[in-house]
């Protein structure tokens, strides 16, 4: 079974903080993420019930101008990934005990490196950005159910998520508008190049 994160769309609002001599701009951007996973079962055909879930992201960034047209942006921060899924609860004898719909949340540290192309020198300037993103899962929130007899909470997907690759590598494509070099609004698309999980026996 392959599990891979395929899409994150981020709507970002940034407030620029200041200028300095070595770098041209630095600041904080905060926004939302929208992510899911595609599960590709190799041995049997199973439709993935995973849906998109919203999350939070927050980054520190620095920009270095490379002439009038280009700028190099580096970002370090936190992003919530994951997915919303519908899981069947099955007893050891094979009978189904109902279904649970909830969010699985991955807490990731991320590092972005992007080349920003700003073709127009105007107050409300559109721009395009392309680059790379790497992220590392530092924790996660599983879907939990309570065992009736003991009252113990059990993570439904824990055994699988514990085998996930914590480090993943992907791309970064962004479109935005820079308002008077003070704030910007941006939409990003982040496809993963690496697989979160790969098991030939499923």
C-alpha atoms as a PDB file:
ATOM      1  CA  UNK A   1       0.000   0.000   0.000  1.00  0.00           C
ATOM      2  CA  UNK A   2       1.354   3.385  -0.958  1.00  0.00           C
ATOM      3  CA  UNK A   3       0.316   6.451   0.976  1.00  0.00           C
ATOM      4  CA  UNK A   4       1.429   9.839  -0.239  1.00  0.00           C
ATOM      5  CA  UNK A   5       0.428  13.408   0.389  1.00  0.00           C
ATOM      6  CA  UNK A   6      -0.592  14.821  -2.956  1.00  0.00           C
ATOM      7  CA  UNK A   7      -1.764  18.376  -2.443  1.00  0.00           C
ATOM      8  CA  UNK A   8      -1.536  21.297  -0.094  1.00  0.00           C
ATOM      9  CA  UNK A   9      -3.075  24.617  -1.018  1.00  0.00           C
ATOM     10  CA  UNK A  10      -2.063  27.507   1.221  1.00  0.00           C
ATOM     11  CA  UNK A  11      -3.729  30.909   1.350  1.00  0.00           C
ATOM     12  CA  UNK A  12      -1.173  33.115   3.035  1.00  0.00           C
ATOM     13  CA  UNK A  13      -1.271  36.627   4.485  1.00  0.00           C
ATOM     14  CA  UNK A  14       2.096  38.147   5.333  1.00  0.00           C
ATOM     15  CA  UNK A  15       2.938  41.312   7.221  1.00  0.00           C
ATOM     16  CA  UNK A  16       6.425  42.530   6.373  1.00  0.00           C
ATOM     17  CA  UNK A  17       8.423  43.504   9.424  1.00  0.00           C
ATOM     18  CA  UNK A  18      11.489  45.376   8.260  1.00  0.00           C
ATOM     19  CA  UNK A  19      14.522  45.738   6.024  1.00  0.00           C
ATOM     20  CA  UNK A  20      18.173  45.105   6.763  1.00  0.00           C
ATOM     21  CA  UNK A  21      21.469  45.287   4.888  1.00  0.00           C
ATOM     22  CA  UNK A  22      22.127  41.586   4.223  1.00  0.00           C
ATOM     23  CA  UNK A  23      18.574  40.592   3.324  1.00  0.00           C
ATOM     24  CA  UNK A  24      15.979  42.782   1.647  1.00  0.00           C
ATOM     25  CA  UNK A  25      12.832  41.743   3.529  1.00  0.00           C
ATOM     26  CA  UNK A  26      11.851  39.492   6.380  1.00  0.00           C
ATOM     27  CA  UNK A  27       8.598  38.750   8.129  1.00  0.00           C
ATOM     28  CA  UNK A  28       5.964  36.280   9.289  1.00  0.00           C
ATOM     29  CA  UNK A  29       3.257  34.703   7.174  1.00  0.00           C
ATOM     30  CA  UNK A  30       0.230  32.886   8.545  1.00  0.00           C
ATOM     31  CA  UNK A  31      -2.432  31.061   6.590  1.00  0.00           C
ATOM     32  CA  UNK A  32      -4.400  27.898   6.012  1.00  0.00           C
ATOM     33  CA  UNK A  33      -3.492  24.578   4.424  1.00  0.00           C
ATOM     34  CA  UNK A  34      -5.782  22.118   2.668  1.00  0.00           C
ATOM     35  CA  UNK A  35      -4.453  18.576   2.357  1.00  0.00           C
ATOM     36  CA  UNK A  36      -5.287  14.928   1.805  1.00  0.00           C
ATOM     37  CA  UNK A  37      -3.657  11.584   0.943  1.00  0.00           C
ATOM     38  CA  UNK A  38      -4.219   9.072  -1.829  1.00  0.00           C
ATOM     39  CA  UNK A  39      -3.965   5.455  -0.685  1.00  0.00           C
ATOM     40  CA  UNK A  40      -3.011   3.086  -3.491  1.00  0.00           C
ATOM     41  CA  UNK A  41      -3.602  -0.532  -2.426  1.00  0.00           C
ATOM     42  CA  UNK A  42      -1.402  -2.851  -4.506  1.00  0.00           C
ATOM     43  CA  UNK A  43      -2.891  -6.292  -3.838  1.00  0.00           C
ATOM     44  CA  UNK A  44      -6.604  -5.485  -3.805  1.00  0.00           C
ATOM     45  CA  UNK A  45      -8.710  -2.705  -5.278  1.00  0.00           C
ATOM     46  CA  UNK A  46      -9.922  -0.414  -2.482  1.00  0.00           C
ATOM     47  CA  UNK A  47     -11.442   3.014  -3.009  1.00  0.00           C
ATOM     48  CA  UNK A  48      -9.815   5.591  -0.780  1.00  0.00           C
ATOM     49  CA  UNK A  49     -12.349   7.402   1.397  1.00  0.00           C
ATOM     50  CA  UNK A  50      -9.886  10.109   2.348  1.00  0.00           C
ATOM     51  CA  UNK A  51     -11.049  13.684   1.942  1.00  0.00           C
ATOM     52  CA  UNK A  52      -9.390  17.095   2.181  1.00  0.00           C
ATOM     53  CA  UNK A  53      -9.011  18.740   5.601  1.00  0.00           C
ATOM     54  CA  UNK A  54      -8.102  22.341   6.492  1.00  0.00           C
ATOM     55  CA  UNK A  55      -5.189  23.167   8.755  1.00  0.00           C
ATOM     56  CA  UNK A  56      -2.895  25.929   9.968  1.00  0.00           C
ATOM     57  CA  UNK A  57       0.505  27.046   8.795  1.00  0.00           C
ATOM     58  CA  UNK A  58       2.909  29.715  10.039  1.00  0.00           C
ATOM     59  CA  UNK A  59       6.340  30.598   8.627  1.00  0.00           C
ATOM     60  CA  UNK A  60       9.221  32.979   9.165  1.00  0.00           C
ATOM     61  CA  UNK A  61      10.612  34.159   5.850  1.00  0.00           C
ATOM     62  CA  UNK A  62      13.477  36.170   4.376  1.00  0.00           C
ATOM     63  CA  UNK A  63      13.735  37.582   0.857  1.00  0.00           C
ATOM     64  CA  UNK A  64      16.869  38.509  -1.065  1.00  0.00           C
ATOM     65  CA  UNK A  65      16.424  40.475  -4.290  1.00  0.00           C
ATOM     66  CA  UNK A  66      18.326  39.245  -7.341  1.00  0.00           C
ATOM     67  CA  UNK A  67      17.968  42.316  -9.504  1.00  0.00           C
ATOM     68  CA  UNK A  68      14.629  43.946 -10.337  1.00  0.00           C
ATOM     69  CA  UNK A  69      12.865  40.832 -11.643  1.00  0.00           C
ATOM     70  CA  UNK A  70      13.814  37.992  -9.279  1.00  0.00           C
ATOM     71  CA  UNK A  71      13.991  37.380  -5.533  1.00  0.00           C
ATOM     72  CA  UNK A  72      15.071  34.363  -3.499  1.00  0.00           C
ATOM     73  CA  UNK A  73      12.749  33.464  -0.614  1.00  0.00           C
ATOM     74  CA  UNK A  74      13.563  31.088   2.260  1.00  0.00           C
ATOM     75  CA  UNK A  75      10.887  30.055   4.780  1.00  0.00           C
ATOM     76  CA  UNK A  76      11.018  28.002   7.970  1.00  0.00           C
ATOM     77  CA  UNK A  77       7.914  27.119   9.923  1.00  0.00           C
ATOM     78  CA  UNK A  78       5.085  24.829  10.975  1.00  0.00           C
ATOM     79  CA  UNK A  79       2.353  23.278   8.848  1.00  0.00           C
ATOM     80  CA  UNK A  80      -0.559  20.961   9.583  1.00  0.00           C
ATOM     81  CA  UNK A  81      -1.029  18.198   7.055  1.00  0.00           C
ATOM     82  CA  UNK A  82      -3.265  15.150   7.119  1.00  0.00           C
ATOM     83  CA  UNK A  83      -6.628  14.022   5.822  1.00  0.00           C
ATOM     84  CA  UNK A  84     -10.234  13.361   6.757  1.00  0.00           C
ATOM     85  CA  UNK A  85     -11.191   9.701   6.535  1.00  0.00           C
ATOM     86  CA  UNK A  86     -14.073   7.322   7.163  1.00  0.00           C
ATOM     87  CA  UNK A  87     -12.847   4.211   8.999  1.00  0.00           C
ATOM     88  CA  UNK A  88     -14.793   0.975   9.602  1.00  0.00           C
ATOM     89  CA  UNK A  89     -14.539  -0.528  13.088  1.00  0.00           C
ATOM     90  CA  UNK A  90     -14.278  -4.310  12.752  1.00  0.00           C
ATOM     91  CA  UNK A  91     -14.429  -6.933  15.517  1.00  0.00           C
ATOM     92  CA  UNK A  92     -11.963  -9.872  15.509  1.00  0.00           C
ATOM     93  CA  UNK A  93     -14.738 -12.131  14.114  1.00  0.00           C
ATOM     94  CA  UNK A  94     -15.045  -9.879  11.067  1.00  0.00           C
ATOM     95  CA  UNK A  95     -18.326  -8.168  11.952  1.00  0.00           C
ATOM     96  CA  UNK A  96     -18.494  -4.405  11.544  1.00  0.00           C
ATOM     97  CA  UNK A  97     -19.163  -2.238  14.587  1.00  0.00           C
ATOM     98  CA  UNK A  98     -19.919   0.964  12.721  1.00  0.00           C
ATOM     99  CA  UNK A  99     -17.805   3.679  11.118  1.00  0.00           C
ATOM    100  CA  UNK A 100     -15.896   6.687  12.426  1.00  0.00           C
ATOM    101  CA  UNK A 101     -15.308   9.878  10.422  1.00  0.00           C
ATOM    102  CA  UNK A 102     -12.576  12.147  11.747  1.00  0.00           C
ATOM    103  CA  UNK A 103      -9.368  14.013  10.884  1.00  0.00           C
ATOM    104  CA  UNK A 104      -5.865  12.566  11.019  1.00  0.00           C
ATOM    105  CA  UNK A 105      -3.465  15.467  11.644  1.00  0.00           C
ATOM    106  CA  UNK A 106       0.283  15.546  10.972  1.00  0.00           C
ATOM    107  CA  UNK A 107       2.345  18.246  12.714  1.00  0.00           C
ATOM    108  CA  UNK A 108       5.279  19.097  10.439  1.00  0.00           C
ATOM    109  CA  UNK A 109       8.268  21.411  10.452  1.00  0.00           C
ATOM    110  CA  UNK A 110       8.899  22.682   6.925  1.00  0.00           C
ATOM    111  CA  UNK A 111      11.672  24.441   5.029  1.00  0.00           C
ATOM    112  CA  UNK A 112      10.907  26.166   1.710  1.00  0.00           C
ATOM    113  CA  UNK A 113      13.244  27.599  -0.897  1.00  0.00           C
ATOM    114  CA  UNK A 114      11.636  29.478  -3.770  1.00  0.00           C
ATOM    115  CA  UNK A 115      12.492  31.728  -6.687  1.00  0.00           C
ATOM    116  CA  UNK A 116      10.042  34.625  -6.910  1.00  0.00           C
ATOM    117  CA  UNK A 117       9.418  36.269 -10.278  1.00  0.00           C
ATOM    118  CA  UNK A 118       7.909  39.759 -10.071  1.00  0.00           C
ATOM    119  CA  UNK A 119       7.607  41.110 -13.628  1.00  0.00           C
ATOM    120  CA  UNK A 120       5.893  44.436 -12.840  1.00  0.00           C
ATOM    121  CA  UNK A 121       7.221  47.275 -10.676  1.00  0.00           C
ATOM    122  CA  UNK A 122       3.861  48.626  -9.543  1.00  0.00           C
ATOM    123  CA  UNK A 123       2.124  49.075  -6.177  1.00  0.00           C
ATOM    124  CA  UNK A 124      -0.158  46.045  -6.666  1.00  0.00           C
ATOM    125  CA  UNK A 125       2.272  43.669  -8.317  1.00  0.00           C
ATOM    126  CA  UNK A 126       1.417  40.067  -9.260  1.00  0.00           C
ATOM    127  CA  UNK A 127       4.173  37.473  -8.996  1.00  0.00           C
ATOM    128  CA  UNK A 128       4.938  33.816  -9.622  1.00  0.00           C
ATOM    129  CA  UNK A 129       7.073  31.538  -7.447  1.00  0.00           C
ATOM    130  CA  UNK A 130       8.610  28.107  -8.004  1.00  0.00           C
ATOM    131  CA  UNK A 131      10.793  26.099  -5.666  1.00  0.00           C
ATOM    132  CA  UNK A 132      11.186  23.156  -3.284  1.00  0.00           C
ATOM    133  CA  UNK A 133       9.744  22.175   0.093  1.00  0.00           C
ATOM    134  CA  UNK A 134      11.048  19.681   2.639  1.00  0.00           C
ATOM    135  CA  UNK A 135       9.180  18.772   5.808  1.00  0.00           C
ATOM    136  CA  UNK A 136       9.625  16.559   8.852  1.00  0.00           C
ATOM    137  CA  UNK A 137       6.744  15.098  10.875  1.00  0.00           C
ATOM    138  CA  UNK A 138       7.350  15.827  14.562  1.00  0.00           C
ATOM    139  CA  UNK A 139       4.018  14.462  15.865  1.00  0.00           C
ATOM    140  CA  UNK A 140       0.555  13.369  14.763  1.00  0.00           C
ATOM    141  CA  UNK A 141      -3.021  13.039  15.987  1.00  0.00           C
ATOM    142  CA  UNK A 142      -4.669   9.725  15.180  1.00  0.00           C
ATOM    143  CA  UNK A 143      -8.371   8.830  15.169  1.00  0.00           C
ATOM    144  CA  UNK A 144      -9.030   7.263  18.568  1.00  0.00           C
ATOM    145  CA  UNK A 145     -11.834   4.973  19.762  1.00  0.00           C
ATOM    146  CA  UNK A 146     -12.540   3.813  23.304  1.00  0.00           C
ATOM    147  CA  UNK A 147     -12.430   0.091  24.072  1.00  0.00           C
ATOM    148  CA  UNK A 148     -15.776  -0.636  25.857  1.00  0.00           C
ATOM    149  CA  UNK A 149     -14.482  -3.045  28.509  1.00  0.00           C
ATOM    150  CA  UNK A 150     -11.282  -1.313  29.599  1.00  0.00           C
ATOM    151  CA  UNK A 151     -12.054   2.283  28.626  1.00  0.00           C
ATOM    152  CA  UNK A 152      -8.626   2.432  26.950  1.00  0.00           C
ATOM    153  CA  UNK A 153      -8.310   4.703  23.912  1.00  0.00           C
ATOM    154  CA  UNK A 154      -6.913   3.006  20.820  1.00  0.00           C
ATOM    155  CA  UNK A 155      -5.427   4.751  17.783  1.00  0.00           C
ATOM    156  CA  UNK A 156      -7.037   3.248  14.688  1.00  0.00           C
ATOM    157  CA  UNK A 157      -4.187   4.029  12.265  1.00  0.00           C
ATOM    158  CA  UNK A 158      -1.287   4.161  14.753  1.00  0.00           C
ATOM    159  CA  UNK A 159       0.472   0.995  13.537  1.00  0.00           C
ATOM    160  CA  UNK A 160       0.522   2.315   9.967  1.00  0.00           C
ATOM    161  CA  UNK A 161       1.381   5.962  10.727  1.00  0.00           C
ATOM    162  CA  UNK A 162       4.265   4.875  12.971  1.00  0.00           C
ATOM    163  CA  UNK A 163       5.848   3.360   9.837  1.00  0.00           C
ATOM    164  CA  UNK A 164       5.506   6.528   7.768  1.00  0.00           C
ATOM    165  CA  UNK A 165       8.608   8.284   6.479  1.00  0.00           C
ATOM    166  CA  UNK A 166       8.955  11.290   8.755  1.00  0.00           C
ATOM    167  CA  UNK A 167      10.918  13.256   6.164  1.00  0.00           C
ATOM    168  CA  UNK A 168       9.285  14.156   2.850  1.00  0.00           C
ATOM    169  CA  UNK A 169      10.386  16.250  -0.105  1.00  0.00           C
ATOM    170  CA  UNK A 170       8.216  18.096  -2.597  1.00  0.00           C
ATOM    171  CA  UNK A 171       7.700  21.033  -4.888  1.00  0.00           C
ATOM    172  CA  UNK A 172       6.414  24.555  -4.436  1.00  0.00           C
ATOM    173  CA  UNK A 173       4.406  26.535  -6.980  1.00  0.00           C
ATOM    174  CA  UNK A 174       2.840  29.838  -5.978  1.00  0.00           C
ATOM    175  CA  UNK A 175       0.839  32.747  -7.358  1.00  0.00           C
ATOM    176  CA  UNK A 176       0.410  35.955  -5.409  1.00  0.00           C
ATOM    177  CA  UNK A 177      -0.004  39.680  -5.314  1.00  0.00           C
ATOM    178  CA  UNK A 178       2.335  42.052  -3.482  1.00  0.00           C
ATOM    179  CA  UNK A 179       0.616  45.179  -2.152  1.00  0.00           C
ATOM    180  CA  UNK A 180       3.004  48.136  -1.974  1.00  0.00           C
ATOM    181  CA  UNK A 181       5.773  45.828  -0.733  1.00  0.00           C
ATOM    182  CA  UNK A 182       4.025  45.737   2.677  1.00  0.00           C
ATOM    183  CA  UNK A 183       1.753  42.669   2.617  1.00  0.00           C
ATOM    184  CA  UNK A 184       1.025  39.885   0.177  1.00  0.00           C
ATOM    185  CA  UNK A 185      -1.661  37.319  -0.533  1.00  0.00           C
ATOM    186  CA  UNK A 186      -0.581  34.008  -2.011  1.00  0.00           C
ATOM    187  CA  UNK A 187      -1.883  30.614  -3.106  1.00  0.00           C
ATOM    188  CA  UNK A 188       0.566  27.684  -3.134  1.00  0.00           C
ATOM    189  CA  UNK A 189       0.456  24.189  -4.552  1.00  0.00           C
ATOM    190  CA  UNK A 190       2.805  21.661  -2.922  1.00  0.00           C
ATOM    191  CA  UNK A 191       2.948  18.205  -4.550  1.00  0.00           C
ATOM    192  CA  UNK A 192       5.035  15.587  -2.761  1.00  0.00           C
ATOM    193  CA  UNK A 193       7.864  13.917  -4.693  1.00  0.00           C
ATOM    194  CA  UNK A 194       8.426  11.232  -2.049  1.00  0.00           C
ATOM    195  CA  UNK A 195       6.020   8.613  -0.691  1.00  0.00           C
ATOM    196  CA  UNK A 196       4.892   8.797   2.923  1.00  0.00           C
ATOM    197  CA  UNK A 197       4.603   5.027   3.086  1.00  0.00           C
ATOM    198  CA  UNK A 198       5.283   2.063   0.794  1.00  0.00           C
ATOM    199  CA  UNK A 199       4.301  -1.520   1.697  1.00  0.00           C
ATOM    200  CA  UNK A 200       4.336  -4.186  -1.025  1.00  0.00           C
ATOM    201  CA  UNK A 201       2.307  -6.573   1.112  1.00  0.00           C
ATOM    202  CA  UNK A 202      -0.898  -4.495   1.048  1.00  0.00           C
END
